[in-house]
C-alpha atoms as a PDB file:
ATOM      1  CA  MET A   1     -68.284  46.246 -71.513  1.00  0.00           C
ATOM      2  CA  GLN A   2     -71.652  47.476 -70.712  1.00  0.00           C
ATOM      3  CA  LEU A   3     -71.769  51.129 -69.694  1.00  0.00           C
ATOM      4  CA  PRO A   4     -73.218  51.753 -66.332  1.00  0.00           C
ATOM      5  CA  VAL A   5     -75.168  54.797 -65.472  1.00  0.00           C
ATOM      6  CA  GLN A   6     -76.539  54.715 -68.587  1.00  0.00           C
ATOM      7  CA  SER A   7     -79.174  51.928 -67.566  1.00  0.00           C
ATOM      8  CA  GLN A   8     -79.855  51.395 -64.074  1.00  0.00           C
ATOM      9  CA  SER A   9     -81.757  48.254 -63.875  1.00  0.00           C
ATOM     10  CA  THR A  10     -81.696  46.689 -60.421  1.00  0.00           C
ATOM     11  CA  LEU A  11     -80.506  43.331 -61.716  1.00  0.00           C
ATOM     12  CA  TYR A  12     -77.062  44.737 -62.089  1.00  0.00           C
ATOM     13  CA  ALA A  13     -76.832  48.421 -61.410  1.00  0.00           C
ATOM     14  CA  GLU A  14     -74.426  49.399 -58.339  1.00  0.00           C
ATOM     15  CA  GLY A  15     -75.608  51.871 -55.708  1.00  0.00           C
ATOM     16  CA  TRP A  16     -73.265  54.613 -56.600  1.00  0.00           C
ATOM     17  CA  GLU A  17     -74.913  55.369 -60.187  1.00  0.00           C
ATOM     18  CA  ALA A  18     -77.965  56.740 -59.069  1.00  0.00           C
ATOM     19  CA  ALA A  19     -75.954  59.842 -58.383  1.00  0.00           C
ATOM     20  CA  ALA A  20     -73.822  59.466 -61.292  1.00  0.00           C
ATOM     21  CA  GLY A  21     -74.130  61.498 -64.768  1.00  0.00           C
ATOM     22  CA  PRO A  22     -72.349  62.310 -68.150  1.00  0.00           C
ATOM     23  CA  ALA A  23     -68.961  63.268 -66.537  1.00  0.00           C
ATOM     24  CA  ASP A  24     -68.756  59.561 -65.138  1.00  0.00           C
ATOM     25  CA  LEU A  25     -69.792  58.362 -68.144  1.00  0.00           C
ATOM     26  CA  VAL A  26     -67.062  59.967 -70.320  1.00  0.00           C
ATOM     27  CA  GLU A  27     -64.289  59.466 -67.751  1.00  0.00           C
ATOM     28  CA  ILE A  28     -65.364  55.289 -68.093  1.00  0.00           C
ATOM     29  CA  ALA A  29     -65.414  55.276 -71.618  1.00  0.00           C
ATOM     30  CA  ARG A  30     -62.068  56.748 -72.003  1.00  0.00           C
ATOM     31  CA  ALA A  31     -60.806  54.136 -69.380  1.00  0.00           C
ATOM     32  CA  ALA A  32     -61.963  51.708 -71.473  1.00  0.00           C
ATOM     33  CA  GLU A  33     -59.968  52.880 -74.149  1.00  0.00           C
ATOM     34  CA  ARG A  34     -56.891  53.150 -72.077  1.00  0.00           C
ATOM     35  CA  ALA A  35     -57.263  49.750 -70.659  1.00  0.00           C
ATOM     36  CA  GLY A  36     -57.718  48.190 -74.531  1.00  0.00           C
ATOM     37  CA  PHE A  37     -61.213  47.121 -74.342  1.00  0.00           C
ATOM     38  CA  ASP A  38     -62.804  46.537 -77.565  1.00  0.00           C
ATOM     39  CA  TYR A  39     -66.220  48.048 -77.414  1.00  0.00           C
ATOM     40  CA  VAL A  40     -68.814  50.156 -74.786  1.00  0.00           C
ATOM     41  CA  ALA A  41     -72.258  49.321 -75.025  1.00  0.00           C
ATOM     42  CA  SER A  42     -75.311  51.365 -74.445  1.00  0.00           C
ATOM     43  CA  CYS A  43     -78.963  49.955 -74.044  1.00  0.00           C
ATOM     44  CA  ASP A  44     -82.303  51.128 -75.435  1.00  0.00           C
ATOM     45  CA  HIS A  45     -85.760  51.613 -73.856  1.00  0.00           C
ATOM     46  CA  VAL A  46     -88.301  54.628 -75.058  1.00  0.00           C
ATOM     47  CA  ALA A  47     -89.959  54.316 -71.618  1.00  0.00           C
ATOM     48  CA  ILE A  48     -90.666  52.120 -68.676  1.00  0.00           C
ATOM     49  CA  PRO A  49     -94.171  51.669 -67.587  1.00  0.00           C
ATOM     50  CA  ARG A  50     -94.710  52.567 -64.020  1.00  0.00           C
ATOM     51  CA  ARG A  51     -95.497  48.517 -62.817  1.00  0.00           C
ATOM     52  CA  LEU A  52     -91.897  47.974 -64.097  1.00  0.00           C
ATOM     53  CA  ALA A  53     -90.261  50.931 -63.001  1.00  0.00           C
ATOM     54  CA  ALA A  54     -89.290  49.770 -59.479  1.00  0.00           C
ATOM     55  CA  ALA A  55     -87.074  46.838 -61.317  1.00  0.00           C
ATOM     56  CA  MET A  56     -85.872  48.354 -64.253  1.00  0.00           C
ATOM     57  CA  SER A  57     -85.869  52.008 -62.910  1.00  0.00           C
ATOM     58  CA  THR A  58     -86.650  54.714 -65.710  1.00  0.00           C
ATOM     59  CA  VAL A  59     -82.980  55.647 -66.002  1.00  0.00           C
ATOM     60  CA  TRP A  60     -82.356  54.301 -70.179  1.00  0.00           C
ATOM     61  CA  TYR A  61     -79.966  57.058 -71.605  1.00  0.00           C
ATOM     62  CA  ASP A  62     -80.498  56.904 -75.631  1.00  0.00           C
ATOM     63  CA  PRO A  63     -78.068  54.651 -76.886  1.00  0.00           C
ATOM     64  CA  VAL A  64     -77.466  56.987 -80.332  1.00  0.00           C
ATOM     65  CA  ALA A  65     -77.095  60.084 -78.270  1.00  0.00           C
ATOM     66  CA  THR A  66     -75.008  58.378 -75.410  1.00  0.00           C
ATOM     67  CA  LEU A  67     -72.860  56.512 -77.717  1.00  0.00           C
ATOM     68  CA  ALA A  68     -72.356  59.645 -80.378  1.00  0.00           C
ATOM     69  CA  HIS A  69     -71.233  61.844 -77.124  1.00  0.00           C
ATOM     70  CA  LEU A  70     -68.627  59.426 -76.266  1.00  0.00           C
ATOM     71  CA  ALA A  71     -67.623  58.793 -79.797  1.00  0.00           C
ATOM     72  CA  GLY A  72     -66.513  62.574 -79.586  1.00  0.00           C
ATOM     73  CA  VAL A  73     -63.979  62.202 -76.497  1.00  0.00           C
ATOM     74  CA  THR A  74     -62.630  58.580 -77.359  1.00  0.00           C
ATOM     75  CA  GLU A  75     -60.857  57.620 -80.606  1.00  0.00           C
ATOM     76  CA  ARG A  76     -60.569  53.806 -81.089  1.00  0.00           C
ATOM     77  CA  VAL A  77     -62.856  52.089 -78.848  1.00  0.00           C
ATOM     78  CA  ARG A  78     -65.948  50.620 -80.598  1.00  0.00           C
ATOM     79  CA  LEU A  79     -69.607  51.639 -79.940  1.00  0.00           C
ATOM     80  CA  LEU A  80     -71.918  48.957 -79.251  1.00  0.00           C
ATOM     81  CA  SER A  81     -75.897  49.381 -79.176  1.00  0.00           C
ATOM     82  CA  HIS A  82     -76.654  46.212 -76.689  1.00  0.00           C
ATOM     83  CA  VAL A  83     -79.501  46.263 -77.766  1.00  0.00           C
ATOM     84  CA  ALA A  84     -81.349  48.608 -79.956  1.00  0.00           C
ATOM     85  CA  VAL A  85     -84.993  47.735 -79.995  1.00  0.00           C
ATOM     86  CA  VAL A  86     -85.222  48.733 -83.703  1.00  0.00           C
ATOM     87  CA  GLY A  87     -88.794  47.496 -84.069  1.00  0.00           C
ATOM     88  CA  LEU A  88     -89.871  50.803 -82.151  1.00  0.00           C
ATOM     89  CA  ARG A  89     -88.964  52.633 -85.111  1.00  0.00           C
ATOM     90  CA  HIS A  90     -88.768  52.849 -88.886  1.00  0.00           C
ATOM     91  CA  PRO A  91     -85.887  51.377 -90.548  1.00  0.00           C
ATOM     92  CA  LEU A  92     -84.991  54.530 -92.350  1.00  0.00           C
ATOM     93  CA  LEU A  93     -85.062  56.428 -89.409  1.00  0.00           C
ATOM     94  CA  THR A  94     -82.721  54.031 -87.275  1.00  0.00           C
ATOM     95  CA  ALA A  95     -80.625  54.145 -90.549  1.00  0.00           C
ATOM     96  CA  LYS A  96     -80.510  57.608 -90.546  1.00  0.00           C
ATOM     97  CA  GLN A  97     -79.193  57.977 -86.899  1.00  0.00           C
ATOM     98  CA  TYR A  98     -76.720  54.839 -86.586  1.00  0.00           C
ATOM     99  CA  ALA A  99     -75.267  55.875 -90.392  1.00  0.00           C
ATOM    100  CA  THR A 100     -74.517  59.281 -88.799  1.00  0.00           C
ATOM    101  CA  LEU A 101     -72.973  57.889 -85.927  1.00  0.00           C
ATOM    102  CA  ASP A 102     -70.761  55.833 -87.460  1.00  0.00           C
ATOM    103  CA  HIS A 103     -69.782  58.509 -90.360  1.00  0.00           C
ATOM    104  CA  LEU A 104     -68.988  60.822 -86.850  1.00  0.00           C
ATOM    105  CA  SER A 105     -66.799  58.180 -85.133  1.00  0.00           C
ATOM    106  CA  ALA A 106     -64.834  57.105 -88.187  1.00  0.00           C
ATOM    107  CA  GLY A 107     -66.320  53.678 -88.409  1.00  0.00           C
ATOM    108  CA  ARG A 108     -66.718  52.345 -84.810  1.00  0.00           C
ATOM    109  CA  LEU A 109     -70.354  51.606 -85.059  1.00  0.00           C
ATOM    110  CA  ILE A 110     -71.607  47.829 -83.990  1.00  0.00           C
ATOM    111  CA  LEU A 111     -75.460  47.727 -84.584  1.00  0.00           C
ATOM    112  CA  GLY A 112     -76.771  45.400 -81.908  1.00  0.00           C
ATOM    113  CA  VAL A 113     -80.685  44.724 -82.378  1.00  0.00           C
ATOM    114  CA  GLY A 114     -83.042  42.920 -80.443  1.00  0.00           C
ATOM    115  CA  ALA A 115     -86.834  42.245 -80.176  1.00  0.00           C
ATOM    116  CA  GLY A 116     -87.766  44.196 -77.103  1.00  0.00           C
ATOM    117  CA  HIS A 117     -89.860  42.932 -74.371  1.00  0.00           C
ATOM    118  CA  VAL A 118     -92.103  45.746 -72.919  1.00  0.00           C
ATOM    119  CA  ARG A 119     -95.497  45.782 -74.119  1.00  0.00           C
ATOM    120  CA  GLU A 120     -96.500  49.069 -73.163  1.00  0.00           C
ATOM    121  CA  GLU A 121     -93.451  50.647 -74.838  1.00  0.00           C
ATOM    122  CA  PHE A 122     -94.434  49.401 -78.393  1.00  0.00           C
ATOM    123  CA  GLU A 123     -98.171  50.459 -77.596  1.00  0.00           C
ATOM    124  CA  ALA A 124     -97.052  53.527 -76.904  1.00  0.00           C
ATOM    125  CA  VAL A 125     -95.457  54.550 -80.063  1.00  0.00           C
ATOM    126  CA  GLY A 126     -97.699  52.464 -82.319  1.00  0.00           C
ATOM    127  CA  ALA A 127     -95.660  49.525 -82.817  1.00  0.00           C
ATOM    128  CA  ASP A 128     -96.459  45.597 -83.026  1.00  0.00           C
ATOM    129  CA  PHE A 129     -95.862  44.128 -79.976  1.00  0.00           C
ATOM    130  CA  GLU A 130     -97.189  40.594 -80.827  1.00  0.00           C
ATOM    131  CA  ARG A 131     -95.381  40.341 -84.130  1.00  0.00           C
ATOM    132  CA  ARG A 132     -92.104  41.941 -83.156  1.00  0.00           C
ATOM    133  CA  GLY A 133     -90.238  38.999 -83.882  1.00  0.00           C
ATOM    134  CA  ALA A 134     -91.283  38.807 -87.814  1.00  0.00           C
ATOM    135  CA  VAL A 135     -90.833  43.046 -87.373  1.00  0.00           C
ATOM    136  CA  LEU A 136     -87.487  42.409 -86.589  1.00  0.00           C
ATOM    137  CA  ASP A 137     -86.582  39.875 -89.158  1.00  0.00           C
ATOM    138  CA  GLU A 138     -87.341  42.382 -91.833  1.00  0.00           C
ATOM    139  CA  THR A 139     -86.140  45.377 -90.159  1.00  0.00           C
ATOM    140  CA  ILE A 140     -82.654  43.788 -90.226  1.00  0.00           C
ATOM    141  CA  ASP A 141     -83.375  43.044 -93.628  1.00  0.00           C
ATOM    142  CA  ALA A 142     -84.136  46.507 -94.636  1.00  0.00           C
ATOM    143  CA  LEU A 143     -80.996  47.812 -92.527  1.00  0.00           C
ATOM    144  CA  ARG A 144     -78.888  45.861 -94.146  1.00  0.00           C
ATOM    145  CA  ALA A 145     -79.757  47.711 -97.453  1.00  0.00           C
ATOM    146  CA  ALA A 146     -80.444  51.105 -95.524  1.00  0.00           C
ATOM    147  CA  LEU A 147     -77.048  50.774 -93.883  1.00  0.00           C
ATOM    148  CA  GLY A 148     -75.120  49.552 -97.165  1.00  0.00           C
ATOM    149  CA  PRO A 149     -72.963  51.634 -99.739  1.00  0.00           C
ATOM    150  CA  ALA A 150     -75.848  53.149-101.699  1.00  0.00           C
ATOM    151  CA  GLU A 151     -77.292  56.337-101.532  1.00  0.00           C
ATOM    152  CA  PHE A 152     -80.319  55.449-102.468  1.00  0.00           C
ATOM    153  CA  PRO A 153     -81.020  52.251-100.734  1.00  0.00           C
ATOM    154  CA  GLU A 154     -84.054  49.908-101.841  1.00  0.00           C
ATOM    155  CA  HIS A 155     -86.164  47.173 -99.855  1.00  0.00           C
ATOM    156  CA  HIS A 156     -89.352  45.848-100.772  1.00  0.00           C
ATOM    157  CA  GLY A 157     -90.863  43.835 -98.047  1.00  0.00           C
ATOM    158  CA  LYS A 158     -94.215  42.773 -96.302  1.00  0.00           C
ATOM    159  CA  LEU A 159     -93.799  45.768 -93.697  1.00  0.00           C
ATOM    160  CA  TYR A 160     -91.369  48.172 -95.594  1.00  0.00           C
ATOM    161  CA  ASP A 161     -90.947  49.367 -98.931  1.00  0.00           C
ATOM    162  CA  PHE A 162     -88.737  52.044-100.014  1.00  0.00           C
ATOM    163  CA  GLU A 163     -86.597  53.089-102.644  1.00  0.00           C
ATOM    164  CA  GLY A 164     -85.492  56.438-104.462  1.00  0.00           C
ATOM    165  CA  LEU A 165     -84.881  57.971-101.361  1.00  0.00           C
ATOM    166  CA  GLY A 166     -81.302  59.183-100.520  1.00  0.00           C
ATOM    167  CA  GLN A 167     -79.588  58.966 -97.316  1.00  0.00           C
ATOM    168  CA  ARG A 168     -76.161  60.888 -96.674  1.00  0.00           C
ATOM    169  CA  PRO A 169     -73.645  60.800 -94.920  1.00  0.00           C
ATOM    170  CA  ARG A 170     -73.277  57.292 -95.281  1.00  0.00           C
ATOM    171  CA  PRO A 171     -71.658  54.975 -92.604  1.00  0.00           C
ATOM    172  CA  ALA A 172     -67.947  55.098 -92.925  1.00  0.00           C
ATOM    173  CA  GLN A 173     -67.847  51.339 -92.979  1.00  0.00           C
ATOM    174  CA  GLU A 174     -68.145  49.431 -95.848  1.00  0.00           C
ATOM    175  CA  LYS A 175     -70.344  47.121 -93.858  1.00  0.00           C
ATOM    176  CA  VAL A 176     -72.029  47.795 -90.469  1.00  0.00           C
ATOM    177  CA  PRO A 177     -71.797  44.927 -88.477  1.00  0.00           C
ATOM    178  CA  ILE A 178     -75.180  43.824 -86.875  1.00  0.00           C
ATOM    179  CA  TRP A 179     -75.074  41.802 -83.960  1.00  0.00           C
ATOM    180  CA  VAL A 180     -78.325  40.021 -82.844  1.00  0.00           C
ATOM    181  CA  GLY A 181     -79.428  39.582 -79.132  1.00  0.00           C
ATOM    182  CA  GLY A 182     -81.287  37.246 -77.277  1.00  0.00           C
ATOM    183  CA  SER A 183     -81.306  33.613 -76.452  1.00  0.00           C
ATOM    184  CA  SER A 184     -84.277  32.179 -76.947  1.00  0.00           C
ATOM    185  CA  PRO A 185     -84.727  29.606 -79.534  1.00  0.00           C
ATOM    186  CA  ALA A 186     -86.225  32.444 -82.478  1.00  0.00           C
ATOM    187  CA  ALA A 187     -83.371  34.955 -81.186  1.00  0.00           C
ATOM    188  CA  VAL A 188     -80.804  32.022 -81.639  1.00  0.00           C
ATOM    189  CA  ARG A 189     -82.219  31.415 -85.145  1.00  0.00           C
ATOM    190  CA  ARG A 190     -82.411  35.267 -86.014  1.00  0.00           C
ATOM    191  CA  ALA A 191     -78.414  35.616 -85.245  1.00  0.00           C
ATOM    192  CA  ALA A 192     -77.824  32.422 -87.234  1.00  0.00           C
ATOM    193  CA  LEU A 193     -79.975  33.336 -90.180  1.00  0.00           C
ATOM    194  CA  ARG A 194     -79.356  37.013 -90.212  1.00  0.00           C
ATOM    195  CA  GLY A 195     -76.779  38.242 -87.613  1.00  0.00           C
ATOM    196  CA  ASP A 196     -73.246  39.180 -88.160  1.00  0.00           C
ATOM    197  CA  GLY A 197     -72.538  38.406 -84.359  1.00  0.00           C
ATOM    198  CA  TRP A 198     -74.834  36.983 -81.429  1.00  0.00           C
ATOM    199  CA  LEU A 199     -75.279  38.632 -78.020  1.00  0.00           C
ATOM    200  CA  PRO A 200     -76.474  35.928 -75.511  1.00  0.00           C
ATOM    201  CA  GLN A 201     -78.990  37.691 -73.155  1.00  0.00           C
ATOM    202  CA  GLY A 202     -77.540  35.924 -69.554  1.00  0.00           C
ATOM    203  CA  ASP A 203     -76.811  32.485 -70.838  1.00  0.00           C
ATOM    204  CA  PRO A 204     -75.029  30.744 -67.699  1.00  0.00           C
ATOM    205  CA  ARG A 205     -71.742  28.748 -68.811  1.00  0.00           C
ATOM    206  CA  ASP A 206     -73.435  25.398 -68.829  1.00  0.00           C
ATOM    207  CA  ARG A 207     -76.107  26.405 -71.134  1.00  0.00           C
ATOM    208  CA  LEU A 208     -73.617  28.269 -74.027  1.00  0.00           C
ATOM    209  CA  PRO A 209     -71.893  25.213 -75.697  1.00  0.00           C
ATOM    210  CA  ALA A 210     -75.550  24.025 -76.734  1.00  0.00           C
ATOM    211  CA  GLN A 211     -76.653  27.495 -77.816  1.00  0.00           C
ATOM    212  CA  ILE A 212     -73.364  27.910 -80.061  1.00  0.00           C
ATOM    213  CA  ALA A 213     -73.797  24.422 -81.263  1.00  0.00           C
ATOM    214  CA  ARG A 214     -77.275  25.391 -82.362  1.00  0.00           C
ATOM    215  CA  LEU A 215     -76.543  28.346 -83.796  1.00  0.00           C
ATOM    216  CA  THR A 216     -73.636  26.933 -86.018  1.00  0.00           C
ATOM    217  CA  ARG A 217     -75.835  24.060 -87.055  1.00  0.00           C
ATOM    218  CA  LEU A 218     -78.331  26.395 -88.224  1.00  0.00           C
ATOM    219  CA  ARG A 219     -76.123  28.672 -90.296  1.00  0.00           C
ATOM    220  CA  GLU A 220     -74.410  25.289 -92.058  1.00  0.00           C
ATOM    221  CA  GLU A 221     -77.640  24.213 -92.721  1.00  0.00           C
ATOM    222  CA  ALA A 222     -78.937  27.440 -94.404  1.00  0.00           C
ATOM    223  CA  GLY A 223     -75.763  27.472 -95.998  1.00  0.00           C
ATOM    224  CA  VAL A 224     -74.189  30.822 -94.533  1.00  0.00           C
ATOM    225  CA  GLU A 225     -70.566  30.748 -94.876  1.00  0.00           C
ATOM    226  CA  GLU A 226     -69.681  34.089 -93.535  1.00  0.00           C
ATOM    227  CA  PRO A 227     -68.231  34.081 -90.208  1.00  0.00           C
ATOM    228  CA  ILE A 228     -70.173  35.325 -86.953  1.00  0.00           C
ATOM    229  CA  THR A 229     -69.010  36.826 -83.731  1.00  0.00           C
ATOM    230  CA  VAL A 230     -70.278  34.628 -80.731  1.00  0.00           C
ATOM    231  CA  GLY A 231     -70.490  36.798 -77.472  1.00  0.00           C
ATOM    232  CA  ALA A 232     -70.948  35.995 -73.750  1.00  0.00           C
ATOM    233  CA  ILE A 233     -71.509  38.105 -70.622  1.00  0.00           C
ATOM    234  CA  THR A 234     -69.354  37.036 -68.103  1.00  0.00           C
ATOM    235  CA  GLU A 235     -69.988  36.645 -64.250  1.00  0.00           C
ATOM    236  CA  PRO A 236     -69.321  39.809 -62.336  1.00  0.00           C
ATOM    237  CA  LEU A 237     -65.517  39.909 -61.649  1.00  0.00           C
ATOM    238  CA  TYR A 238     -63.213  41.494 -59.276  1.00  0.00           C
ATOM    239  CA  VAL A 239     -59.471  41.564 -60.281  1.00  0.00           C
ATOM    240  CA  GLY A 240     -57.656  41.028 -56.886  1.00  0.00           C
ATOM    241  CA  ALA A 241     -58.881  40.049 -53.380  1.00  0.00           C
ATOM    242  CA  PRO A 242     -61.791  41.962 -52.510  1.00  0.00           C
ATOM    243  CA  ALA A 243     -62.101  43.802 -49.202  1.00  0.00           C
ATOM    244  CA  TRP A 244     -65.735  43.970 -48.935  1.00  0.00           C
ATOM    245  CA  ASP A 245     -68.584  41.380 -49.914  1.00  0.00           C
ATOM    246  CA  VAL A 246     -68.877  40.962 -53.749  1.00  0.00           C
ATOM    247  CA  GLY A 247     -71.585  38.376 -53.592  1.00  0.00           C
ATOM    248  CA  ARG A 248     -70.963  34.685 -53.976  1.00  0.00           C
ATOM    249  CA  ARG A 249     -71.370  34.931 -58.003  1.00  0.00           C
ATOM    250  CA  THR A 250     -68.729  37.044 -58.683  1.00  0.00           C
ATOM    251  CA  LEU A 251     -65.245  35.838 -59.743  1.00  0.00           C
ATOM    252  CA  ALA A 252     -62.645  37.248 -57.708  1.00  0.00           C
ATOM    253  CA  GLY A 253     -59.173  36.664 -57.134  1.00  0.00           C
ATOM    254  CA  PRO A 254     -55.653  37.049 -58.724  1.00  0.00           C
ATOM    255  CA  PRO A 255     -55.487  37.752 -62.409  1.00  0.00           C
ATOM    256  CA  GLY A 256     -53.761  34.366 -63.324  1.00  0.00           C
ATOM    257  CA  ARG A 257     -56.905  32.736 -61.969  1.00  0.00           C
ATOM    258  CA  LEU A 258     -59.285  35.038 -63.715  1.00  0.00           C
ATOM    259  CA  ALA A 259     -57.993  34.333 -66.953  1.00  0.00           C
ATOM    260  CA  GLU A 260     -57.714  30.513 -66.656  1.00  0.00           C
ATOM    261  CA  SER A 261     -61.493  30.672 -65.576  1.00  0.00           C
ATOM    262  CA  LEU A 262     -62.318  33.031 -68.528  1.00  0.00           C
ATOM    263  CA  ARG A 263     -60.210  31.245 -71.159  1.00  0.00           C
ATOM    264  CA  ALA A 264     -63.023  28.486 -70.662  1.00  0.00           C
ATOM    265  CA  TYR A 265     -65.544  30.645 -72.932  1.00  0.00           C
ATOM    266  CA  ARG A 266     -62.800  30.631 -75.652  1.00  0.00           C
ATOM    267  CA  ALA A 267     -62.942  26.598 -75.394  1.00  0.00           C
ATOM    268  CA  MET A 268     -66.615  26.787 -75.788  1.00  0.00           C
ATOM    269  CA  GLY A 269     -66.405  28.866 -79.034  1.00  0.00           C
ATOM    270  CA  VAL A 270     -67.032  32.287 -77.962  1.00  0.00           C
ATOM    271  CA  HIS A 271     -65.240  35.256 -79.633  1.00  0.00           C
ATOM    272  CA  GLN A 272     -65.748  38.037 -77.350  1.00  0.00           C
ATOM    273  CA  ILE A 273     -66.586  38.234 -73.746  1.00  0.00           C
ATOM    274  CA  GLN A 274     -68.394  41.028 -72.256  1.00  0.00           C
ATOM    275  CA  VAL A 275     -67.038  42.017 -68.826  1.00  0.00           C
ATOM    276  CA  ARG A 276     -68.377  43.556 -65.491  1.00  0.00           C
ATOM    277  CA  PHE A 277     -67.154  44.574 -62.496  1.00  0.00           C
ATOM    278  CA  ARG A 278     -68.470  45.265 -58.741  1.00  0.00           C
ATOM    279  CA  CYS A 279     -67.297  48.272 -57.588  1.00  0.00           C
ATOM    280  CA  ARG A 280     -68.265  50.989 -54.962  1.00  0.00           C
ATOM    281  CA  GLY A 281     -67.508  54.069 -57.213  1.00  0.00           C
ATOM    282  CA  ARG A 282     -66.369  55.151 -60.360  1.00  0.00           C
ATOM    283  CA  SER A 283     -62.887  55.252 -59.164  1.00  0.00           C
ATOM    284  CA  GLU A 284     -62.713  51.726 -58.232  1.00  0.00           C
ATOM    285  CA  LEU A 285     -64.371  50.817 -61.274  1.00  0.00           C
ATOM    286  CA  ILE A 286     -61.538  52.453 -63.436  1.00  0.00           C
ATOM    287  CA  ASP A 287     -59.324  50.828 -61.289  1.00  0.00           C
ATOM    288  CA  GLN A 288     -60.687  47.497 -61.780  1.00  0.00           C
ATOM    289  CA  MET A 289     -60.882  48.093 -65.788  1.00  0.00           C
ATOM    290  CA  ALA A 290     -57.201  49.033 -65.573  1.00  0.00           C
ATOM    291  CA  ALA A 291     -56.005  45.931 -63.693  1.00  0.00           C
ATOM    292  CA  PHE A 292     -57.979  43.755 -66.120  1.00  0.00           C
ATOM    293  CA  GLY A 293     -56.644  45.306 -69.118  1.00  0.00           C
ATOM    294  CA  ALA A 294     -53.180  45.245 -67.895  1.00  0.00           C
ATOM    295  CA  ASP A 295     -53.048  41.862 -65.826  1.00  0.00           C
ATOM    296  CA  VAL A 296     -55.684  39.829 -67.162  1.00  0.00           C
ATOM    297  CA  ALA A 297     -56.400  41.004 -70.595  1.00  0.00           C
ATOM    298  CA  PRO A 298     -53.154  39.675 -71.771  1.00  0.00           C
ATOM    299  CA  HIS A 299     -53.329  36.122 -71.001  1.00  0.00           C
ATOM    300  CA  LEU A 300     -56.855  35.551 -72.919  1.00  0.00           C
END
């Protein structure tokens, strides 16, 4: 699941999150671990321009700091950046941060990456907004080298060129998974050719089968034989009968009904689902997570 509190876009934030903080994040991450969740995720924005602040808010915790903090209070749950806008930073800087996170967490990192969409953010840090897709393509290649086993990684590209520069500690994992986010044609192609996983950005159920078929076809045509982890973000969920208005798009009801609906994702070729819950506070969210882990997840 994507963690609440750490990003508060009006598209998905609940009202209680505005007054929440680090203690809430810690308890929710621990609850995710107890309930058997595979990962918790954190977003990435450096700065939000005034024109977008009303919709996006300016609350965006740094993913490296957030996930490192939560690594220290959990033991098993994996830590996903969903997604890191890696084009805003030199790949050696990104590699140093996330390699350290993987080392400190005993190999629990999943590096989710995306192209970004806020022009002013790129301009403020001197990054190329217009060519952000091409920058991301090469950055993934550079990160493959910089997050690999070599103490002195090497990459020679059009934008980045480095060798003879040592970085330790190395990641605890032999290979850090890189999941590519986005649902545009370019993002799907990028995931197919360069990713260990694909993180769709809000594709509804009726769009996913065609997207997955294209992803599979592109990998086959390119001769990529390694498996890829296909993800999906579910509709908002509520386990049980809600006593308040959870919205017409929310999938609510007894565990068996939710499980039956969510199994449709597996039939499409999805390997992992990112779930979200309607809730009026931290305690209700944790109760929902516990109910999902105990009563819905076993049927998936």
